[in-house]
Structure formats: C-alpha cells, structure tokens
Amino acid sequence: MARYRLDIEYDGAAFCGWQRQANALTVQQVIEDALTLVDGRKAIIRGAGRTDTGVHATGQVAHVELRKDWRPDRLRDAVNANMRPHLVAVRAASIVADDFDARHSALRRHYFYRIVNRRAPLTVDAGRAWLVKAPLDAHAMHEAAQALVGKFDFTTFRDADCQAQNPVRTLERLDVSRVGDEVHVTTSSRSFLHRQVRSMVGSIEHVGSGKWRARDLREALLSADRSRCGTVAPPTGLYLIGVDY
C-alpha cells in the first residue's frame, strides 16, 4: 500500500462543493468513485481545502492510500478516464511519504478571485466570474485591502456557520489589480475561515464602487462583527489556485 498525492483541477459549477455529501454530487465523490474503480478497493481522499458549491480549483491537492502500486502517470490517466464526463481532472499524481497529509501538511493556500467589470453580460465566462457593472477603482481596492494583511480576528469576514474554534488568522497577501476589463484579487494564508475570501472580496468591491471608503473596511475588520461585512461575493469567481508544502 502506498500514499499518493493528487494535483486536481475542476469546474465547480456542477458540484455542491468539495466534500462528499449523502444526497448531492461533489468533487470528492467523483474522484473517490473513480479511484475505487481503478484500485478495486474503496478509496477515501483528503483534500487541502473544502471549497464551497460553485467554487473552482486549478490547484487543489489531495492524498489517498491505494492497495495497488501504481506508476503515477498511469494512475493519473486511469482516474481521469473514469471521471468522464465530469469536469474534474487529476493533473498529476506522485508517490509521497506516509506522513504527508494534504490538509494538515499545508503551509500556505492561495486563492484567486475574478471580477469582470463591464456592462455587457457574461457569455463564455458565465459561472466562472462575478459580473460587476458599476465602474471599479482597482487601485483604491488594493490600497484599502492592505489593512486586512496581517494577524487579526477575522470574525467580520467569517460565515455564521464557520466551525473553526479560533477566528484569528494571519493573512499574508491580499492584492488587487486590473487586467483589461477584469479586476483580479489574489490572497494567501496558511488557512482561511469559512467564506472568508468571498466576504473580503465583497467588502473590497464596496470600496472600488465608492459605497465604502478605505477606513470603512478597516473599521469593519476591527469591529469583529459579522453584521459589518459587506456583500459576500458569489462563489462563481473564486478559484483555489495552489497549496504550498
């Protein structure tokens, strides 16, 4: 029996999130079902992050222990063949040490959020970005966002159903930039609270659209009050893009 690391990408639009559920299709279920078919034994995987319904990934990581010894490239191809037609792909597989844990061994997680800032509706990007029609000042958004970088109580940007015991997190990066008619938000931390990224993005958008000033964002953070959070950004624009080990 060997332990394998799987590097995974998926379009989250058709899934009720990452984590297996009894009565809904999830990414974890699709991968585990494929692994069970190819390995001949019920497979259970552990992912680095439990993405919500509609959230995408280009850099999700999971680990699994398999009965058979697989050459990594053959395992990748066999699993992918058995996940069709679902929009999930194992990009790479590798053998790892027995103590590697995709979730607990992670040093840093990286998320990316796409805002399309234009009047016209989305077509090819429908379900893959957040359409904001009002003009956004990406520079103002970036400057205001720096108030959230550091170690803070992020209760304001924490979902009411978050199960984490401690709301304190250290945000290492929160960058906002404009690329054509898109506004990109990139953030990094060892771990995030439930819906923290979407909550921060929605509040930063308020700064860009002129609803809030920079100090309003800072005051919302320091209040440690969920009711002070701005609009929570939709899941369609969020991507888990990488995990560091």
Protein backbone atom coordinates (compact mmCIF):
# COMPACT_ATOMS: atom_id res chain seq x y z
CA MET A 1 0.00 0.00 0.00
CA ALA A 2 1.32 3.43 -0.99
CA ARG A 3 0.23 7.02 -0.41
CA TYR A 4 -0.26 9.26 -3.43
CA ARG A 5 -0.58 13.00 -3.85
CA LEU A 6 -3.10 14.14 -6.47
CA ASP A 7 -2.99 17.63 -8.01
CA ILE A 8 -6.51 18.42 -9.16
CA GLU A 9 -8.49 20.98 -11.09
CA TYR A 10 -12.24 21.28 -11.54
CA ASP A 11 -15.08 23.48 -12.67
CA GLY A 12 -17.19 23.79 -9.55
CA ALA A 13 -20.40 24.90 -11.28
CA ALA A 14 -21.96 21.43 -11.37
CA PHE A 15 -20.94 20.41 -7.85
CA CYS A 16 -22.23 21.01 -4.34
CA GLY A 17 -18.72 21.76 -3.19
CA TRP A 18 -15.74 19.55 -2.49
CA GLN A 19 -16.82 17.45 0.48
CA ARG A 20 -18.81 14.25 -0.05
CA GLN A 21 -22.50 14.51 0.86
CA ALA A 22 -25.25 11.94 1.12
CA ASN A 23 -27.64 13.39 -1.46
CA ALA A 24 -25.63 15.75 -3.66
CA LEU A 25 -22.88 15.44 -6.26
CA THR A 26 -19.49 16.63 -5.01
CA VAL A 27 -15.95 16.70 -6.34
CA GLN A 28 -14.69 14.35 -3.63
CA GLN A 29 -17.33 11.79 -4.54
CA VAL A 30 -16.43 11.82 -8.24
CA ILE A 31 -12.72 11.31 -7.53
CA GLU A 32 -13.27 8.65 -4.87
CA ASP A 33 -15.64 6.70 -7.11
CA ALA A 34 -13.07 6.74 -9.92
CA LEU A 35 -10.26 5.66 -7.58
CA THR A 36 -12.40 2.82 -6.23
CA LEU A 37 -12.98 1.54 -9.75
CA VAL A 38 -9.32 1.60 -10.75
CA ASP A 39 -7.88 0.27 -7.48
CA GLY A 40 -10.53 -2.32 -6.68
CA ARG A 41 -10.90 -1.10 -3.08
CA LYS A 42 -12.98 1.69 -1.55
CA ALA A 43 -10.88 4.84 -1.72
CA ILE A 44 -11.09 7.80 0.65
CA ILE A 45 -9.27 11.02 -0.17
CA ARG A 46 -8.42 14.05 1.96
CA GLY A 47 -8.28 17.45 0.27
CA ALA A 48 -6.27 20.54 1.16
CA GLY A 49 -9.36 22.77 1.10
CA ARG A 50 -13.10 22.21 1.29
CA THR A 51 -14.32 24.50 -1.46
CA ASP A 52 -17.99 25.57 -1.43
CA THR A 53 -20.69 24.97 -4.00
CA GLY A 54 -19.76 26.66 -7.28
CA VAL A 55 -16.12 27.36 -6.34
CA HIS A 56 -13.46 26.22 -8.82
CA ALA A 57 -9.91 24.93 -8.46
CA THR A 58 -6.81 24.82 -10.59
CA GLY A 59 -4.50 23.81 -7.74
CA GLN A 60 -6.42 21.61 -5.31
CA VAL A 61 -4.33 18.89 -3.65
CA ALA A 62 -5.49 15.61 -2.11
CA HIS A 63 -3.89 12.43 -0.82
CA VAL A 64 -5.05 8.82 -0.93
CA GLU A 65 -3.76 5.41 0.10
CA LEU A 66 -4.19 2.70 -2.53
CA ARG A 67 -3.95 -1.08 -2.36
CA LYS A 68 -2.08 -1.46 -5.63
CA ASP A 69 1.30 0.02 -6.51
CA TRP A 70 0.70 2.42 -9.36
CA ARG A 71 3.07 4.20 -11.66
CA PRO A 72 1.94 7.81 -11.08
CA ASP A 73 1.26 8.68 -14.71
CA ARG A 74 -0.83 5.54 -15.18
CA LEU A 75 -2.81 6.30 -12.05
CA ARG A 76 -3.49 9.83 -13.31
CA ASP A 77 -4.71 8.58 -16.67
CA ALA A 78 -6.84 5.77 -15.21
CA VAL A 79 -8.59 8.07 -12.76
CA ASN A 80 -9.25 10.70 -15.42
CA ALA A 81 -10.73 8.10 -17.77
CA ASN A 82 -13.18 7.07 -15.06
CA MET A 83 -14.30 10.61 -14.17
CA ARG A 84 -15.76 11.41 -17.58
CA PRO A 85 -17.91 13.38 -18.36
CA HIS A 86 -17.45 15.36 -15.13
CA LEU A 87 -15.28 18.47 -15.39
CA VAL A 88 -12.69 17.20 -12.93
CA ALA A 89 -9.11 16.29 -13.81
CA VAL A 90 -6.13 14.91 -11.95
CA ARG A 91 -3.32 16.99 -13.43
CA ALA A 92 -0.55 14.99 -11.75
CA ALA A 93 -0.07 12.09 -9.35
CA SER A 94 3.02 11.38 -7.26
CA ILE A 95 4.12 8.99 -4.53
CA VAL A 96 4.60 10.73 -1.17
CA ALA A 97 5.77 9.79 2.31
CA ASP A 98 3.31 8.08 4.64
CA ASP A 99 3.12 11.18 6.85
CA PHE A 100 2.11 13.54 4.03
CA ASP A 101 -1.35 14.96 4.70
CA ALA A 102 -2.87 17.20 2.04
CA ARG A 103 -4.71 19.23 4.65
CA HIS A 104 -2.51 19.28 7.74
CA SER A 105 0.87 19.39 5.97
CA ALA A 106 -0.11 22.51 4.02
CA LEU A 107 1.97 25.62 4.76
CA ARG A 108 0.03 28.09 2.65
CA ARG A 109 -3.08 28.22 0.47
CA HIS A 110 -3.59 30.59 -2.46
CA TYR A 111 -6.92 31.81 -3.80
CA PHE A 112 -7.75 33.90 -6.84
CA TYR A 113 -10.97 35.82 -7.50
CA ARG A 114 -12.14 37.08 -10.90
CA ILE A 115 -14.39 40.10 -11.28
CA VAL A 116 -15.46 41.05 -14.80
CA ASN A 117 -16.12 44.79 -14.69
CA ARG A 118 -18.26 45.78 -17.67
CA ARG A 119 -21.85 46.49 -18.68
CA ALA A 120 -22.28 43.58 -21.10
CA PRO A 121 -23.47 40.24 -19.68
CA LEU A 122 -21.14 37.26 -19.35
CA THR A 123 -21.18 34.58 -22.02
CA VAL A 124 -18.17 32.22 -22.08
CA ASP A 125 -17.32 33.32 -18.52
CA ALA A 126 -20.81 32.76 -17.15
CA GLY A 127 -20.43 30.75 -13.98
CA ARG A 128 -16.67 31.44 -13.86
CA ALA A 129 -16.52 35.09 -12.75
CA TRP A 130 -18.51 37.77 -10.92
CA LEU A 131 -20.02 40.39 -13.22
CA VAL A 132 -19.94 43.88 -11.65
CA LYS A 133 -21.37 46.53 -13.94
CA ALA A 134 -20.53 49.64 -11.89
CA PRO A 135 -17.02 51.02 -12.58
CA LEU A 136 -14.46 49.79 -10.05
CA ASP A 137 -11.34 51.60 -8.90
CA ALA A 138 -8.88 48.69 -8.60
CA HIS A 139 -6.15 50.92 -7.17
CA ALA A 140 -8.42 52.08 -4.34
CA MET A 141 -9.43 48.47 -3.72
CA HIS A 142 -5.80 47.38 -3.44
CA GLU A 143 -4.82 50.22 -1.12
CA ALA A 144 -7.77 49.56 1.19
CA ALA A 145 -7.17 45.80 1.16
CA GLN A 146 -3.74 46.20 2.73
CA ALA A 147 -5.47 46.98 6.04
CA LEU A 148 -6.51 43.32 6.16
CA VAL A 149 -2.99 41.95 5.72
CA GLY A 150 -1.57 40.65 8.99
CA LYS A 151 -2.77 38.76 12.04
CA PHE A 152 -6.33 39.68 13.05
CA ASP A 153 -9.60 38.41 14.41
CA PHE A 154 -11.48 37.92 11.13
CA THR A 155 -14.92 37.40 12.68
CA THR A 156 -16.36 40.12 10.42
CA PHE A 157 -15.39 38.08 7.36
CA ARG A 158 -16.36 34.70 8.79
CA ASP A 159 -19.52 32.80 7.86
CA ALA A 160 -22.02 32.44 10.70
CA ASP A 161 -21.80 28.64 10.35
CA CYS A 162 -17.99 28.53 10.39
CA GLN A 163 -16.82 25.67 12.61
CA ALA A 164 -13.30 26.94 13.29
CA GLN A 165 -12.61 27.29 17.00
CA ASN A 166 -10.45 30.38 16.58
CA PRO A 167 -11.32 33.33 14.29
CA VAL A 168 -7.74 34.65 14.31
CA ARG A 169 -5.87 34.19 11.04
CA THR A 170 -2.71 35.64 9.51
CA LEU A 171 -3.36 36.98 6.03
CA GLU A 172 -0.06 37.10 4.13
CA ARG A 173 -1.25 38.68 0.91
CA LEU A 174 -4.31 40.45 -0.49
CA ASP A 175 -3.55 42.04 -3.86
CA VAL A 176 -5.98 43.69 -6.27
CA SER A 177 -5.12 44.53 -9.88
CA ARG A 178 -6.88 45.40 -13.11
CA VAL A 179 -6.25 43.46 -16.33
CA GLY A 180 -8.36 44.94 -19.12
CA ASP A 181 -12.00 44.74 -18.06
CA GLU A 182 -11.21 42.32 -15.24
CA VAL A 183 -10.31 43.01 -11.62
CA HIS A 184 -8.26 40.23 -10.02
CA VAL A 185 -7.93 39.56 -6.29
CA THR A 186 -5.16 37.23 -5.08
CA THR A 187 -4.79 36.21 -1.46
CA SER A 188 -2.60 33.82 0.55
CA SER A 189 -2.69 32.44 4.07
CA ARG A 190 -1.89 29.22 5.89
CA SER A 191 -5.62 28.76 6.41
CA PHE A 192 -8.85 30.65 5.84
CA LEU A 193 -12.13 30.77 7.72
CA HIS A 194 -15.32 29.57 6.05
CA ARG A 195 -16.20 32.02 3.27
CA GLN A 196 -13.52 34.44 4.41
CA VAL A 197 -12.20 35.12 0.91
CA ARG A 198 -15.63 35.78 -0.60
CA SER A 199 -16.53 38.00 2.35
CA MET A 200 -13.36 40.05 1.97
CA VAL A 201 -13.78 40.38 -1.79
CA GLY A 202 -17.36 41.58 -1.45
CA SER A 203 -16.32 44.23 1.07
CA ILE A 204 -13.36 45.34 -1.05
CA GLU A 205 -15.72 45.71 -4.00
CA HIS A 206 -17.67 48.26 -1.93
CA VAL A 207 -14.52 50.38 -1.80
CA GLY A 208 -13.98 50.08 -5.54
CA SER A 209 -17.54 51.10 -6.36
CA GLY A 210 -17.50 54.05 -3.95
CA LYS A 211 -20.02 52.63 -1.45
CA TRP A 212 -17.30 52.48 1.22
CA ARG A 213 -14.18 54.44 1.99
CA ALA A 214 -10.94 52.67 2.89
CA ARG A 215 -11.46 53.43 6.57
CA ASP A 216 -14.87 51.71 6.45
CA LEU A 217 -13.15 48.45 5.52
CA ARG A 218 -10.63 48.85 8.33
CA GLU A 219 -13.36 49.64 10.85
CA ALA A 220 -15.39 46.64 9.72
CA LEU A 221 -12.39 44.37 10.36
CA LEU A 222 -11.65 45.79 13.80
CA SER A 223 -15.29 45.57 14.86
CA ALA A 224 -15.13 41.73 14.78
CA ASP A 225 -18.84 41.89 13.93
CA ARG A 226 -20.27 39.76 11.11
CA SER A 227 -23.08 42.25 10.56
CA ARG A 228 -20.46 44.81 9.45
CA CYS A 229 -19.37 42.65 6.48
CA GLY A 230 -20.24 43.90 3.02
CA THR A 231 -21.99 41.83 0.37
CA VAL A 232 -20.48 38.34 0.16
CA ALA A 233 -19.09 37.83 -3.34
CA PRO A 234 -20.65 34.92 -5.27
CA PRO A 235 -18.79 31.60 -5.47
CA THR A 236 -18.55 31.67 -9.26
CA GLY A 237 -15.47 33.91 -9.30
CA LEU A 238 -13.40 32.04 -6.72
CA TYR A 239 -10.56 29.64 -7.53
CA LEU A 240 -8.24 27.63 -5.29
CA ILE A 241 -5.06 28.06 -7.32
CA GLY A 242 -2.34 26.47 -5.21
CA VAL A 243 -1.17 24.90 -1.97
CA ASP A 244 2.39 25.10 -0.64
CA TYR A 245 4.05 22.31 1.33
